[in-house]
Amino acid sequence: MRETWFTHPDPLDTKAADELLSSYKLRNIQAKKALAFDPRLWLVSALLPTFRDEPKPSRQYKNPMWS
């Protein structure tokens, strides 16, 4: 399985960045934070798996009458 770095688009403050890093750590996902252009904010990146195809949506709530 191929993995690529995903960087969150919005810079986060220190508390939010640390919470995000701890949630990634609980799921055993490699993550890092880097200082953003504004020294009060952080950019968080995570090494996430990349799949060739999009996941299939659940058909649980799809009404067969509408198909």
N, C-alpha and C. Protein backbone atom coordinates (compact mmCIF):
# COMPACT_ATOMS: atom_id res chain seq x y z
N MET A 1 0.84 -1.16 0.00
CA MET A 1 0.00 0.00 0.00
C MET A 1 0.90 1.24 0.00
N ARG A 2 0.55 2.17 -0.84
CA ARG A 2 1.33 3.39 -0.98
C ARG A 2 0.89 4.41 0.07
N GLU A 3 1.83 5.16 0.59
CA GLU A 3 1.52 6.20 1.57
C GLU A 3 2.06 7.53 1.09
N THR A 4 1.31 8.59 1.33
CA THR A 4 1.74 9.94 0.98
C THR A 4 1.48 10.87 2.15
N TRP A 5 2.22 11.97 2.17
CA TRP A 5 2.06 12.95 3.24
C TRP A 5 0.86 13.84 2.95
N PHE A 6 -0.02 13.96 3.92
CA PHE A 6 -1.17 14.86 3.84
C PHE A 6 -0.92 15.99 4.82
N THR A 7 -0.96 17.23 4.35
CA THR A 7 -0.79 18.40 5.21
C THR A 7 -2.14 19.07 5.38
N HIS A 8 -2.53 19.30 6.62
CA HIS A 8 -3.79 19.98 6.88
C HIS A 8 -3.72 21.39 6.31
N PRO A 9 -4.77 21.82 5.61
CA PRO A 9 -4.70 23.09 4.87
C PRO A 9 -4.63 24.33 5.76
N ASP A 10 -5.20 24.26 6.95
CA ASP A 10 -5.21 25.44 7.82
C ASP A 10 -4.20 25.28 8.94
N PRO A 11 -3.39 26.31 9.21
CA PRO A 11 -2.49 26.26 10.35
C PRO A 11 -3.28 26.19 11.66
N LEU A 12 -2.74 25.49 12.63
CA LEU A 12 -3.41 25.29 13.91
C LEU A 12 -2.61 25.91 15.04
N ASP A 13 -3.30 26.28 16.13
CA ASP A 13 -2.57 26.76 17.30
C ASP A 13 -1.93 25.56 18.00
N THR A 14 -1.11 25.82 18.98
CA THR A 14 -0.32 24.76 19.62
C THR A 14 -1.20 23.69 20.25
N LYS A 15 -2.25 24.09 20.95
CA LYS A 15 -3.11 23.12 21.62
C LYS A 15 -3.82 22.21 20.62
N ALA A 16 -4.38 22.78 19.56
CA ALA A 16 -5.08 21.98 18.55
C ALA A 16 -4.11 21.06 17.81
N ALA A 17 -2.91 21.55 17.53
CA ALA A 17 -1.92 20.72 16.83
C ALA A 17 -1.50 19.54 17.70
N ASP A 18 -1.30 19.77 18.99
CA ASP A 18 -0.93 18.67 19.88
C ASP A 18 -2.05 17.65 20.02
N GLU A 19 -3.30 18.11 20.06
CA GLU A 19 -4.44 17.18 20.12
C GLU A 19 -4.51 16.33 18.86
N LEU A 20 -4.28 16.95 17.72
CA LEU A 20 -4.32 16.22 16.46
C LEU A 20 -3.18 15.20 16.38
N LEU A 21 -2.00 15.59 16.83
CA LEU A 21 -0.87 14.66 16.84
C LEU A 21 -1.14 13.48 17.77
N SER A 22 -1.75 13.74 18.92
CA SER A 22 -2.03 12.63 19.85
C SER A 22 -3.10 11.69 19.28
N SER A 23 -4.08 12.24 18.54
CA SER A 23 -5.08 11.35 17.93
C SER A 23 -4.46 10.50 16.83
N TYR A 24 -3.53 11.07 16.07
CA TYR A 24 -2.81 10.27 15.07
C TYR A 24 -1.96 9.20 15.75
N LYS A 25 -1.34 9.55 16.87
CA LYS A 25 -0.49 8.59 17.57
C LYS A 25 -1.30 7.41 18.09
N LEU A 26 -2.53 7.68 18.55
CA LEU A 26 -3.40 6.60 19.03
C LEU A 26 -3.72 5.61 17.91
N ARG A 27 -3.78 6.08 16.68
CA ARG A 27 -4.08 5.22 15.53
C ARG A 27 -2.81 4.72 14.84
N ASN A 28 -1.66 4.92 15.46
CA ASN A 28 -0.36 4.48 14.93
C ASN A 28 -0.07 5.05 13.55
N ILE A 29 -0.34 6.34 13.37
CA ILE A 29 -0.06 7.04 12.13
C ILE A 29 1.07 8.01 12.39
N GLN A 30 2.08 7.95 11.53
CA GLN A 30 3.22 8.84 11.67
C GLN A 30 2.78 10.26 11.33
N ALA A 31 3.04 11.20 12.24
CA ALA A 31 2.64 12.59 12.02
C ALA A 31 3.74 13.51 12.54
N LYS A 32 3.75 14.72 12.00
CA LYS A 32 4.74 15.70 12.45
C LYS A 32 4.13 17.09 12.35
N LYS A 33 4.69 18.00 13.13
CA LYS A 33 4.23 19.39 13.04
C LYS A 33 5.43 20.27 12.73
N ALA A 34 5.16 21.28 11.93
CA ALA A 34 6.20 22.23 11.52
C ALA A 34 5.67 23.64 11.75
N LEU A 35 6.56 24.52 12.06
CA LEU A 35 6.18 25.90 12.32
C LEU A 35 5.70 26.56 11.04
N ALA A 36 4.56 27.24 11.11
CA ALA A 36 4.00 27.93 9.95
C ALA A 36 4.68 29.29 9.80
N PHE A 37 4.27 30.03 8.77
CA PHE A 37 4.83 31.35 8.54
C PHE A 37 4.58 32.26 9.74
N ASP A 38 3.38 32.16 10.31
CA ASP A 38 3.06 32.88 11.54
C ASP A 38 3.61 32.05 12.70
N PRO A 39 4.54 32.58 13.51
CA PRO A 39 5.19 31.76 14.54
C PRO A 39 4.27 31.27 15.66
N ARG A 40 3.02 31.71 15.69
CA ARG A 40 2.08 31.22 16.71
C ARG A 40 1.35 29.97 16.24
N LEU A 41 1.46 29.63 14.97
CA LEU A 41 0.67 28.54 14.39
C LEU A 41 1.56 27.41 13.87
N TRP A 42 0.97 26.23 13.75
CA TRP A 42 1.68 25.04 13.30
C TRP A 42 0.99 24.42 12.10
N LEU A 43 1.77 23.78 11.24
CA LEU A 43 1.26 22.97 10.15
C LEU A 43 1.43 21.51 10.56
N VAL A 44 0.37 20.73 10.47
CA VAL A 44 0.41 19.32 10.86
C VAL A 44 0.33 18.47 9.60
N SER A 45 1.25 17.51 9.49
CA SER A 45 1.28 16.58 8.36
C SER A 45 1.21 15.16 8.88
N ALA A 46 0.56 14.29 8.12
CA ALA A 46 0.43 12.89 8.50
C ALA A 46 0.69 12.01 7.29
N LEU A 47 1.32 10.88 7.53
CA LEU A 47 1.60 9.91 6.47
C LEU A 47 0.42 8.94 6.39
N LEU A 48 -0.44 9.15 5.38
CA LEU A 48 -1.68 8.39 5.25
C LEU A 48 -1.64 7.48 4.03
N PRO A 49 -2.36 6.35 4.10
CA PRO A 49 -2.40 5.44 2.95
C PRO A 49 -3.17 6.05 1.78
N THR A 50 -2.71 5.75 0.58
CA THR A 50 -3.37 6.21 -0.63
C THR A 50 -3.89 4.98 -1.37
N PHE A 51 -5.15 5.03 -1.75
CA PHE A 51 -5.76 3.92 -2.45
C PHE A 51 -5.95 4.27 -3.91
N ARG A 52 -5.92 3.26 -4.76
CA ARG A 52 -6.06 3.49 -6.19
C ARG A 52 -7.47 3.94 -6.53
N ASP A 53 -8.47 3.33 -5.89
CA ASP A 53 -9.87 3.65 -6.17
C ASP A 53 -10.51 4.33 -4.97
N GLU A 54 -11.56 5.10 -5.24
CA GLU A 54 -12.33 5.73 -4.16
C GLU A 54 -13.08 4.64 -3.40
N PRO A 55 -13.29 4.82 -2.09
CA PRO A 55 -14.09 3.83 -1.37
C PRO A 55 -15.54 3.83 -1.85
N LYS A 56 -16.14 2.66 -1.86
CA LYS A 56 -17.52 2.56 -2.32
C LYS A 56 -18.46 3.06 -1.23
N PRO A 57 -19.44 3.89 -1.59
CA PRO A 57 -20.38 4.38 -0.58
C PRO A 57 -21.28 3.27 -0.07
N SER A 58 -21.72 3.43 1.15
CA SER A 58 -22.59 2.44 1.76
C SER A 58 -23.96 2.48 1.10
N ARG A 59 -24.50 1.30 0.84
CA ARG A 59 -25.84 1.21 0.25
C ARG A 59 -26.89 1.02 1.33
N GLN A 60 -26.51 1.14 2.57
CA GLN A 60 -27.41 0.89 3.69
C GLN A 60 -28.61 1.84 3.67
N TYR A 61 -28.39 3.10 3.35
CA TYR A 61 -29.46 4.08 3.42
C TYR A 61 -30.04 4.42 2.04
N LYS A 62 -29.63 3.72 1.02
CA LYS A 62 -30.12 4.00 -0.32
C LYS A 62 -31.45 3.28 -0.53
N ASN A 63 -32.45 4.02 -0.95
CA ASN A 63 -33.76 3.44 -1.17
C ASN A 63 -33.78 2.78 -2.55
N PRO A 64 -34.11 1.49 -2.64
CA PRO A 64 -34.12 0.81 -3.94
C PRO A 64 -35.16 1.39 -4.89
N MET A 65 -36.15 2.07 -4.36
CA MET A 65 -37.18 2.66 -5.20
C MET A 65 -36.61 3.80 -6.05
N TRP A 66 -35.58 4.47 -5.57
CA TRP A 66 -35.00 5.61 -6.27
C TRP A 66 -33.97 5.20 -7.31
N SER A 67 -33.57 3.97 -7.32
CA SER A 67 -32.52 3.52 -8.24
C SER A 67 -33.04 3.33 -9.64
